[in-house]
């Protein structure tokens, strides 16, 4: 009778399990969702505007505010992430 070594069976099972959990090389882009700025500070809104400009047209960042104002910094990153690879959207 054909006998399979336990180590080989364990290795093959592990490989099969790990390959099943892999992600595909192409991910489906998420639909564009504008940032909800309704309850955000003016500083956050300005940061989002500047971050979006940076992602779509030209680099724009108020370095003083970016380094010292948490809301501006968070807004800048949110605007940049939200607008990367898209046409400029006015905030």
N, C-alpha and C. Protein backbone atom coordinates (compact mmCIF):
# COMPACT_ATOMS: atom_id res chain seq x y z
N UNK A 1 0.84 -1.18 0.00
CA UNK A 1 0.00 0.00 0.00
C UNK A 1 0.89 1.24 0.00
N UNK A 2 0.41 2.29 -0.64
CA UNK A 2 1.15 3.55 -0.74
C UNK A 2 1.09 4.28 0.59
N UNK A 3 2.25 4.67 1.10
CA UNK A 3 2.31 5.34 2.40
C UNK A 3 2.95 6.71 2.24
N UNK A 4 2.29 7.77 2.78
CA UNK A 4 2.78 9.15 2.69
C UNK A 4 3.43 9.52 4.03
N UNK A 5 4.61 10.06 3.93
CA UNK A 5 5.33 10.52 5.10
C UNK A 5 4.54 11.67 5.73
N UNK A 6 4.43 11.68 7.06
CA UNK A 6 3.66 12.71 7.77
C UNK A 6 4.23 14.11 7.54
N UNK A 7 5.56 14.24 7.44
CA UNK A 7 6.17 15.55 7.21
C UNK A 7 5.79 16.09 5.84
N UNK A 8 5.79 15.23 4.85
CA UNK A 8 5.41 15.66 3.50
C UNK A 8 3.94 16.06 3.47
N UNK A 9 3.09 15.28 4.10
CA UNK A 9 1.67 15.60 4.15
C UNK A 9 1.43 16.93 4.87
N UNK A 10 2.12 17.15 5.96
CA UNK A 10 1.98 18.40 6.71
C UNK A 10 2.46 19.59 5.87
N UNK A 11 3.59 19.43 5.19
CA UNK A 11 4.13 20.51 4.36
C UNK A 11 3.18 20.84 3.22
N UNK A 12 2.70 19.83 2.53
CA UNK A 12 1.76 20.07 1.41
C UNK A 12 0.47 20.72 1.90
N UNK A 13 -0.03 20.28 3.02
CA UNK A 13 -1.26 20.87 3.57
C UNK A 13 -1.05 22.33 3.94
N UNK A 14 0.10 22.62 4.54
CA UNK A 14 0.42 24.00 4.92
C UNK A 14 0.53 24.89 3.70
N UNK A 15 1.21 24.41 2.66
CA UNK A 15 1.34 25.20 1.43
C UNK A 15 -0.02 25.47 0.79
N UNK A 16 -0.85 24.46 0.76
CA UNK A 16 -2.19 24.63 0.19
C UNK A 16 -2.99 25.66 0.98
N UNK A 17 -2.90 25.58 2.28
CA UNK A 17 -3.62 26.52 3.14
C UNK A 17 -3.10 27.95 2.95
N UNK A 18 -1.80 28.12 2.90
CA UNK A 18 -1.23 29.46 2.76
C UNK A 18 -1.51 30.07 1.40
N UNK A 19 -1.51 29.28 0.35
CA UNK A 19 -1.80 29.85 -0.97
C UNK A 19 -3.27 30.22 -1.10
N UNK A 20 -4.13 29.58 -0.37
CA UNK A 20 -5.55 29.91 -0.42
C UNK A 20 -5.83 31.25 0.26
N UNK A 21 -4.95 31.67 1.16
CA UNK A 21 -5.16 32.92 1.89
C UNK A 21 -4.52 34.12 1.21
N UNK A 22 -3.80 33.91 0.13
CA UNK A 22 -3.12 35.01 -0.55
C UNK A 22 -4.10 35.94 -1.22
N UNK A 23 -3.67 37.17 -1.42
CA UNK A 23 -4.52 38.14 -2.10
C UNK A 23 -4.20 38.17 -3.58
N UNK A 24 -5.13 38.65 -4.35
CA UNK A 24 -4.90 38.76 -5.78
C UNK A 24 -3.98 39.95 -6.04
N UNK A 25 -3.32 39.96 -7.19
CA UNK A 25 -2.38 41.04 -7.48
C UNK A 25 -3.10 42.35 -7.81
N UNK A 26 -4.33 42.28 -8.26
CA UNK A 26 -5.10 43.49 -8.58
C UNK A 26 -6.25 43.61 -7.59
N UNK A 27 -6.33 44.77 -6.96
CA UNK A 27 -7.44 45.00 -6.05
C UNK A 27 -8.45 45.90 -6.73
N UNK A 28 -9.68 45.75 -6.36
CA UNK A 28 -10.74 46.56 -6.92
C UNK A 28 -10.68 47.95 -6.29
N UNK A 29 -10.57 49.00 -7.10
CA UNK A 29 -10.52 50.34 -6.51
C UNK A 29 -11.83 50.66 -5.79
N UNK A 30 -11.69 51.33 -4.68
CA UNK A 30 -12.87 51.72 -3.92
C UNK A 30 -13.52 52.92 -4.59
N UNK A 31 -14.85 52.99 -4.58
CA UNK A 31 -15.52 54.15 -5.17
C UNK A 31 -15.16 55.43 -4.41
N UNK A 32 -15.12 56.52 -5.14
CA UNK A 32 -14.77 57.80 -4.54
C UNK A 32 -15.84 58.23 -3.55
N UNK A 33 -15.42 58.58 -2.38
CA UNK A 33 -16.31 59.10 -1.35
C UNK A 33 -15.74 60.42 -0.86
N UNK A 34 -16.44 61.53 -1.06
CA UNK A 34 -15.91 62.81 -0.57
C UNK A 34 -15.76 62.77 0.95
N UNK A 35 -14.79 63.51 1.44
CA UNK A 35 -14.60 63.59 2.88
C UNK A 35 -15.78 64.29 3.53
N UNK A 36 -16.18 63.80 4.67
CA UNK A 36 -17.23 64.46 5.45
C UNK A 36 -16.57 65.50 6.32
N UNK A 37 -16.69 66.75 5.94
CA UNK A 37 -16.04 67.84 6.66
C UNK A 37 -17.01 68.65 7.51
N UNK A 38 -18.23 68.17 7.67
CA UNK A 38 -19.26 68.96 8.33
C UNK A 38 -18.92 69.32 9.78
N UNK A 39 -18.26 68.45 10.51
CA UNK A 39 -17.95 68.74 11.91
C UNK A 39 -16.46 68.91 12.14
N UNK A 40 -15.73 69.29 11.10
CA UNK A 40 -14.29 69.45 11.20
C UNK A 40 -13.93 70.92 11.37
N UNK A 41 -12.78 71.14 11.98
CA UNK A 41 -12.32 72.52 12.20
C UNK A 41 -11.87 73.13 10.87
N UNK A 42 -11.76 74.45 10.87
CA UNK A 42 -11.27 75.15 9.67
C UNK A 42 -9.85 74.72 9.35
N UNK A 43 -9.08 74.44 10.37
CA UNK A 43 -7.70 74.00 10.18
C UNK A 43 -7.67 72.64 9.47
N UNK A 44 -8.54 71.72 9.88
CA UNK A 44 -8.63 70.41 9.22
C UNK A 44 -9.04 70.58 7.76
N UNK A 45 -10.04 71.44 7.53
CA UNK A 45 -10.52 71.67 6.16
C UNK A 45 -9.41 72.24 5.27
N UNK A 46 -8.62 73.18 5.81
CA UNK A 46 -7.52 73.74 5.03
C UNK A 46 -6.47 72.68 4.75
N UNK A 47 -6.19 71.85 5.74
CA UNK A 47 -5.25 70.74 5.54
C UNK A 47 -5.74 69.77 4.47
N UNK A 48 -7.03 69.45 4.49
CA UNK A 48 -7.60 68.54 3.49
C UNK A 48 -7.50 69.15 2.10
N UNK A 49 -7.75 70.43 2.00
CA UNK A 49 -7.63 71.14 0.72
C UNK A 49 -6.19 71.07 0.20
N UNK A 50 -5.23 71.38 1.07
CA UNK A 50 -3.83 71.37 0.67
C UNK A 50 -3.35 69.95 0.33
N UNK A 51 -3.77 68.98 1.11
CA UNK A 51 -3.39 67.59 0.85
C UNK A 51 -3.94 67.09 -0.47
N UNK A 52 -5.17 67.48 -0.78
CA UNK A 52 -5.77 67.09 -2.06
C UNK A 52 -5.03 67.75 -3.21
N UNK A 53 -4.70 69.01 -3.07
CA UNK A 53 -3.90 69.68 -4.11
C UNK A 53 -2.58 68.95 -4.33
N UNK A 54 -1.95 68.56 -3.24
CA UNK A 54 -0.67 67.85 -3.34
C UNK A 54 -0.83 66.54 -4.10
N UNK A 55 -1.91 65.84 -3.88
CA UNK A 55 -2.12 64.55 -4.52
C UNK A 55 -2.50 64.68 -5.99
N UNK A 56 -3.05 65.82 -6.39
CA UNK A 56 -3.59 65.91 -7.74
C UNK A 56 -2.91 66.91 -8.65
N UNK A 57 -2.42 68.01 -8.13
CA UNK A 57 -1.89 69.05 -9.00
C UNK A 57 -0.46 69.44 -8.66
N UNK A 58 -0.31 70.02 -7.51
CA UNK A 58 1.00 70.53 -7.11
C UNK A 58 1.14 70.42 -5.61
N UNK A 59 2.38 70.36 -5.18
CA UNK A 59 2.68 70.24 -3.75
C UNK A 59 2.26 71.50 -3.02
N UNK A 60 1.46 71.32 -1.98
CA UNK A 60 1.06 72.46 -1.15
C UNK A 60 0.94 71.98 0.29
N UNK A 61 1.70 72.63 1.15
CA UNK A 61 1.65 72.28 2.58
C UNK A 61 2.14 73.48 3.38
N UNK A 62 1.39 73.84 4.38
CA UNK A 62 1.82 74.85 5.33
C UNK A 62 2.64 74.10 6.38
N UNK A 63 3.96 74.17 6.26
CA UNK A 63 4.83 73.37 7.12
C UNK A 63 4.70 73.74 8.60
N UNK A 64 4.50 74.99 8.88
CA UNK A 64 4.32 75.41 10.27
C UNK A 64 3.07 74.75 10.86
N UNK A 65 1.97 74.83 10.14
CA UNK A 65 0.72 74.22 10.62
C UNK A 65 0.84 72.70 10.63
N UNK A 66 1.48 72.12 9.61
CA UNK A 66 1.63 70.67 9.53
C UNK A 66 2.39 70.13 10.74
N UNK A 67 3.41 70.84 11.17
CA UNK A 67 4.24 70.39 12.28
C UNK A 67 3.67 70.72 13.65
N UNK A 68 2.78 71.72 13.74
CA UNK A 68 2.32 72.18 15.05
C UNK A 68 0.82 72.10 15.28
N UNK A 69 0.04 71.86 14.25
CA UNK A 69 -1.42 71.84 14.38
C UNK A 69 -1.93 70.45 14.00
N UNK A 70 -2.39 69.71 15.01
CA UNK A 70 -2.84 68.35 14.80
C UNK A 70 -3.97 68.27 13.76
N UNK A 71 -4.93 69.19 13.84
CA UNK A 71 -6.06 69.16 12.90
C UNK A 71 -5.59 69.37 11.46
N UNK A 72 -4.71 70.33 11.25
CA UNK A 72 -4.19 70.57 9.89
C UNK A 72 -3.46 69.33 9.39
N UNK A 73 -2.62 68.75 10.22
CA UNK A 73 -1.85 67.56 9.84
C UNK A 73 -2.79 66.42 9.46
N UNK A 74 -3.78 66.13 10.29
CA UNK A 74 -4.73 65.06 10.00
C UNK A 74 -5.53 65.36 8.74
N UNK A 75 -5.93 66.60 8.56
CA UNK A 75 -6.66 66.99 7.36
C UNK A 75 -5.82 66.85 6.11
N UNK A 76 -4.54 67.23 6.20
CA UNK A 76 -3.64 67.13 5.04
C UNK A 76 -3.51 65.68 4.59
N UNK A 77 -3.27 64.78 5.55
CA UNK A 77 -3.16 63.36 5.19
C UNK A 77 -4.48 62.80 4.67
N UNK A 78 -5.59 63.18 5.27
CA UNK A 78 -6.90 62.69 4.81
C UNK A 78 -7.17 63.18 3.39
N UNK A 79 -6.89 64.45 3.12
CA UNK A 79 -7.10 65.00 1.79
C UNK A 79 -6.21 64.34 0.75
N UNK A 80 -4.96 64.11 1.12
CA UNK A 80 -4.03 63.48 0.18
C UNK A 80 -4.47 62.06 -0.15
N UNK A 81 -4.79 61.26 0.89
CA UNK A 81 -5.23 59.87 0.66
C UNK A 81 -6.52 59.84 -0.15
N UNK A 82 -7.41 60.76 0.13
CA UNK A 82 -8.71 60.76 -0.53
C UNK A 82 -8.63 61.16 -2.00
N UNK A 83 -7.64 61.94 -2.37
CA UNK A 83 -7.57 62.46 -3.73
C UNK A 83 -6.50 61.79 -4.59
N UNK A 84 -5.69 60.91 -4.05
CA UNK A 84 -4.64 60.28 -4.85
C UNK A 84 -5.25 59.54 -6.03
N UNK A 85 -4.71 59.80 -7.21
CA UNK A 85 -5.17 59.12 -8.41
C UNK A 85 -6.50 59.62 -8.94
N UNK A 86 -6.97 60.75 -8.48
CA UNK A 86 -8.26 61.29 -8.92
C UNK A 86 -8.08 62.71 -9.43
N UNK A 87 -9.08 63.19 -10.10
CA UNK A 87 -9.11 64.60 -10.49
C UNK A 87 -9.26 65.42 -9.23
N UNK A 88 -8.79 66.66 -9.26
CA UNK A 88 -8.89 67.53 -8.10
C UNK A 88 -10.35 67.77 -7.76
N UNK A 89 -10.66 67.63 -6.48
CA UNK A 89 -12.01 67.91 -5.98
C UNK A 89 -11.92 69.06 -4.99
N UNK A 90 -12.61 70.12 -5.24
CA UNK A 90 -12.57 71.31 -4.38
C UNK A 90 -13.18 70.97 -3.03
N UNK A 91 -12.48 71.32 -1.96
CA UNK A 91 -13.00 71.16 -0.61
C UNK A 91 -13.41 72.49 -0.06
